[in-house]
C-alpha atoms as a PDB file:
ATOM      1  CA  MET A   1     107.859 119.137 112.836  1.00  0.00           C
ATOM      2  CA  THR A   2     111.545 118.220 112.744  1.00  0.00           C
ATOM      3  CA  SER A   3     112.766 117.203 109.294  1.00  0.00           C
ATOM      4  CA  PRO A   4     114.712 113.961 108.741  1.00  0.00           C
ATOM      5  CA  ILE A   5     117.782 116.048 107.901  1.00  0.00           C
ATOM      6  CA  GLN A   6     117.826 117.539 111.417  1.00  0.00           C
ATOM      7  CA  ARG A   7     116.907 114.326 113.251  1.00  0.00           C
ATOM      8  CA  PHE A   8     119.271 111.789 111.612  1.00  0.00           C
ATOM      9  CA  ASP A   9     122.862 111.499 110.450  1.00  0.00           C
ATOM     10  CA  PRO A  10     123.168 112.906 106.908  1.00  0.00           C
ATOM     11  CA  ASP A  11     125.012 109.756 105.748  1.00  0.00           C
ATOM     12  CA  LEU A  12     122.129 107.566 106.965  1.00  0.00           C
ATOM     13  CA  ILE A  13     119.650 109.717 105.066  1.00  0.00           C
ATOM     14  CA  ARG A  14     121.786 109.772 101.909  1.00  0.00           C
ATOM     15  CA  VAL A  15     122.424 106.015 101.853  1.00  0.00           C
ATOM     16  CA  GLY A  16     118.790 105.244 102.633  1.00  0.00           C
ATOM     17  CA  ALA A  17     117.456 107.605  99.960  1.00  0.00           C
ATOM     18  CA  HIS A  18     119.856 106.199  97.359  1.00  0.00           C
ATOM     19  CA  HIS A  19     118.780 102.582  97.945  1.00  0.00           C
ATOM     20  CA  LEU A  20     115.066 103.452  98.108  1.00  0.00           C
ATOM     21  CA  GLU A  21     115.218 105.374  94.831  1.00  0.00           C
ATOM     22  CA  ALA A  22     117.060 102.525  93.075  1.00  0.00           C
ATOM     23  CA  PHE A  23     114.503 100.020  94.364  1.00  0.00           C
ATOM     24  CA  ALA A  24     111.473 102.093  93.350  1.00  0.00           C
ATOM     25  CA  SER A  25     112.969 102.820  89.928  1.00  0.00           C
ATOM     26  CA  ALA A  26     113.397  99.078  89.298  1.00  0.00           C
ATOM     27  CA  ASN A  27     109.858  98.256  90.501  1.00  0.00           C
ATOM     28  CA  ALA A  28     107.308 100.353  88.619  1.00  0.00           C
ATOM     29  CA  ASP A  29     104.336  99.364  90.795  1.00  0.00           C
ATOM     30  CA  VAL A  30     106.016 100.578  94.006  1.00  0.00           C
ATOM     31  CA  LEU A  31     104.248 103.755  95.075  1.00  0.00           C
ATOM     32  CA  LEU A  32     106.260 104.510  98.212  1.00  0.00           C
ATOM     33  CA  ALA A  33     109.333 103.174  99.984  1.00  0.00           C
ATOM     34  CA  VAL A  34     110.106 104.501 103.476  1.00  0.00           C
ATOM     35  CA  LEU A  35     113.019 103.830 105.810  1.00  0.00           C
ATOM     36  CA  THR A  36     111.709 104.377 109.335  1.00  0.00           C
ATOM     37  CA  SER A  37     113.343 104.757 112.744  1.00  0.00           C
ATOM     38  CA  GLY A  38     112.349 102.541 115.656  1.00  0.00           C
ATOM     39  CA  ASP A  39     110.416 105.441 117.159  1.00  0.00           C
ATOM     40  CA  GLY A  40     108.372 106.010 114.005  1.00  0.00           C
ATOM     41  CA  PHE A  41     110.139 108.841 112.216  1.00  0.00           C
ATOM     42  CA  GLU A  42     110.917 108.944 108.521  1.00  0.00           C
ATOM     43  CA  VAL A  43     114.640 108.556 107.864  1.00  0.00           C
ATOM     44  CA  ALA A  44     114.397 108.574 104.055  1.00  0.00           C
ATOM     45  CA  SER A  45     111.700 107.997 101.475  1.00  0.00           C
ATOM     46  CA  TYR A  46     111.116 107.650  97.789  1.00  0.00           C
ATOM     47  CA  PRO A  47     109.512 109.551  96.338  1.00  0.00           C
ATOM     48  CA  PRO A  48     110.472 112.254  98.807  1.00  0.00           C
ATOM     49  CA  ASN A  49     108.145 114.852 100.324  1.00  0.00           C
ATOM     50  CA  LEU A  50     104.802 113.066 100.052  1.00  0.00           C
ATOM     51  CA  ALA A  51     102.211 114.225 102.588  1.00  0.00           C
ATOM     52  CA  MET A  52     101.387 110.656 103.687  1.00  0.00           C
ATOM     53  CA  THR A  53     104.994 109.602 104.368  1.00  0.00           C
ATOM     54  CA  ALA A  54     105.203 110.749 108.007  1.00  0.00           C
ATOM     55  CA  LYS A  55     101.977 108.904 108.872  1.00  0.00           C
ATOM     56  CA  ILE A  56     103.064 105.767 107.020  1.00  0.00           C
ATOM     57  CA  ALA A  57     106.414 105.885 108.853  1.00  0.00           C
ATOM     58  CA  ALA A  58     104.758 106.192 112.265  1.00  0.00           C
ATOM     59  CA  MET A  59     102.184 103.471 111.631  1.00  0.00           C
ATOM     60  CA  SER A  60     104.628 101.039 110.014  1.00  0.00           C
ATOM     61  CA  SER A  61     107.058 101.344 112.917  1.00  0.00           C
ATOM     62  CA  SER A  62     104.250 100.585 115.367  1.00  0.00           C
ATOM     63  CA  MET A  63     102.993  97.680 113.272  1.00  0.00           C
ATOM     64  CA  GLN A  64     106.510  96.248 113.041  1.00  0.00           C
ATOM     65  CA  ALA A  65     106.813  96.374 116.841  1.00  0.00           C
ATOM     66  CA  LEU A  66     103.362  94.774 117.263  1.00  0.00           C
ATOM     67  CA  SER A  67     104.142  91.996 114.804  1.00  0.00           C
ATOM     68  CA  GLU A  68     107.387  91.257 116.665  1.00  0.00           C
ATOM     69  CA  ALA A  69     105.483  91.090 119.961  1.00  0.00           C
ATOM     70  CA  LEU A  70     102.810  88.843 118.449  1.00  0.00           C
ATOM     71  CA  THR A  71     105.325  86.369 117.030  1.00  0.00           C
ATOM     72  CA  ARG A  72     107.189  86.332 120.349  1.00  0.00           C
ATOM     73  CA  GLU A  73     103.964  85.594 122.270  1.00  0.00           C
ATOM     74  CA  ALA A  74     103.074  82.862 119.768  1.00  0.00           C
ATOM     75  CA  GLY A  75     106.450  81.236 120.376  1.00  0.00           C
ATOM     76  CA  LEU A  76     107.574  81.732 116.794  1.00  0.00           C
ATOM     77  CA  ALA A  77     111.063  82.586 115.596  1.00  0.00           C
ATOM     78  CA  LYS A  78     112.149  86.142 114.803  1.00  0.00           C
ATOM     79  CA  ASN A  79     109.667  88.084 112.700  1.00  0.00           C
ATOM     80  CA  ARG A  80     110.875  88.791 109.159  1.00  0.00           C
ATOM     81  CA  SER A  81     108.035  90.757 107.648  1.00  0.00           C
ATOM     82  CA  LEU A  82     104.444  91.903 107.888  1.00  0.00           C
ATOM     83  CA  ILE A  83     102.248  91.845 104.787  1.00  0.00           C
ATOM     84  CA  ILE A  84      98.965  93.717 104.360  1.00  0.00           C
ATOM     85  CA  GLU A  85      97.069  92.895 101.173  1.00  0.00           C
ATOM     86  CA  THR A  86      94.093  94.821  99.840  1.00  0.00           C
ATOM     87  CA  ASP A  87      92.168  94.772  96.566  1.00  0.00           C
ATOM     88  CA  SER A  88      94.160  97.788  95.376  1.00  0.00           C
ATOM     89  CA  GLY A  89      97.646  97.023  96.649  1.00  0.00           C
ATOM     90  CA  THR A  90     100.044  95.715  99.254  1.00  0.00           C
ATOM     91  CA  VAL A  91     101.982  97.133 102.176  1.00  0.00           C
ATOM     92  CA  LEU A  92     105.075  95.235 103.197  1.00  0.00           C
ATOM     93  CA  ILE A  93     106.933  96.064 106.417  1.00  0.00           C
ATOM     94  CA  LEU A  94     110.363  94.601 107.139  1.00  0.00           C
ATOM     95  CA  GLY A  95     112.419  94.986 110.281  1.00  0.00           C
ATOM     96  CA  LEU A  96     116.106  95.578 109.595  1.00  0.00           C
ATOM     97  CA  ALA A  97     118.979  94.184 111.637  1.00  0.00           C
ATOM     98  CA  THR A  98     120.557  97.575 112.281  1.00  0.00           C
ATOM     99  CA  THR A  99     121.611  99.753 115.166  1.00  0.00           C
ATOM    100  CA  PRO A 100     119.724 101.963 115.654  1.00  0.00           C
ATOM    101  CA  ARG A 101     116.598  99.908 114.963  1.00  0.00           C
ATOM    102  CA  LEU A 102     115.125 100.652 111.536  1.00  0.00           C
ATOM    103  CA  SER A 103     112.303  99.254 109.451  1.00  0.00           C
ATOM    104  CA  LEU A 104     111.340  99.431 105.825  1.00  0.00           C
ATOM    105  CA  ALA A 105     107.812 100.029 104.542  1.00  0.00           C
ATOM    106  CA  ILE A 106     106.934  99.411 100.899  1.00  0.00           C
ATOM    107  CA  VAL A 107     103.569 100.396  99.385  1.00  0.00           C
ATOM    108  CA  ALA A 108     102.788  98.855  95.986  1.00  0.00           C
ATOM    109  CA  ARG A 109      99.881  98.767  93.553  1.00  0.00           C
ATOM    110  CA  SER A 110      97.977  95.532  93.116  1.00  0.00           C
ATOM    111  CA  GLY A 111      99.803  94.877  89.821  1.00  0.00           C
ATOM    112  CA  GLU A 112     102.994  94.002  91.701  1.00  0.00           C
ATOM    113  CA  LEU A 113     103.337  90.264  92.264  1.00  0.00           C
ATOM    114  CA  LEU A 114     103.584  89.547  95.987  1.00  0.00           C
ATOM    115  CA  GLY A 115     106.461  87.081  95.617  1.00  0.00           C
ATOM    116  CA  LYS A 116     108.467  89.542  93.521  1.00  0.00           C
ATOM    117  CA  LEU A 117     107.736  92.362  95.961  1.00  0.00           C
ATOM    118  CA  LEU A 118     108.766  90.265  98.954  1.00  0.00           C
ATOM    119  CA  TRP A 119     111.945  89.026  97.262  1.00  0.00           C
ATOM    120  CA  GLY A 120     112.925  92.521  96.094  1.00  0.00           C
ATOM    121  CA  SER A 121     112.141  94.104  99.466  1.00  0.00           C
ATOM    122  CA  ARG A 122     114.197  91.530 101.356  1.00  0.00           C
ATOM    123  CA  ASN A 123     117.110  92.160  99.002  1.00  0.00           C
ATOM    124  CA  LEU A 124     116.702  95.897  99.556  1.00  0.00           C
ATOM    125  CA  GLY A 125     116.737  95.282 103.316  1.00  0.00           C
ATOM    126  CA  LYS A 126     119.978  93.297 103.026  1.00  0.00           C
ATOM    127  CA  LYS A 127     121.577  96.052 100.932  1.00  0.00           C
ATOM    128  CA  LEU A 128     120.549  98.667 103.477  1.00  0.00           C
ATOM    129  CA  GLU A 129     121.862  96.573 106.383  1.00  0.00           C
ATOM    130  CA  THR A 130     125.194  96.062 104.621  1.00  0.00           C
ATOM    131  CA  SER A 131     125.554  99.713 103.614  1.00  0.00           C
ATOM    132  CA  LEU A 132     124.649 101.009 107.075  1.00  0.00           C
ATOM    133  CA  ARG A 133     127.219  98.780 108.823  1.00  0.00           C
ATOM    134  CA  LYS A 134     130.063 100.547 106.997  1.00  0.00           C
END
């Protein structure tokens, strides 16, 4: 398997990893934060090197694309996020306005308040978009 370092620009990986680590450090119930390419590959993650990260990246990219297609078919405005809630936690997937197309997947324990997670994740997305435009 090709590592993110070989597949993506080192600056993209560095910037992504920096923002993901800062976000996870400020949100104790966040278990995983992954920046994912439009074709489902991990760009950066925090914590790094977890076995599940590649699968989460692939599935979250596909789910982001499906949610965009669903909202388009339903005649709704641009999709902002996809939320999956379970008894033990939440997965939040956000599409980023970047070129190339990227998305952000956040996995959090059930102790994390959904509103706080959504607010923090959207702010993280904005920071990533701003940093990646430079």
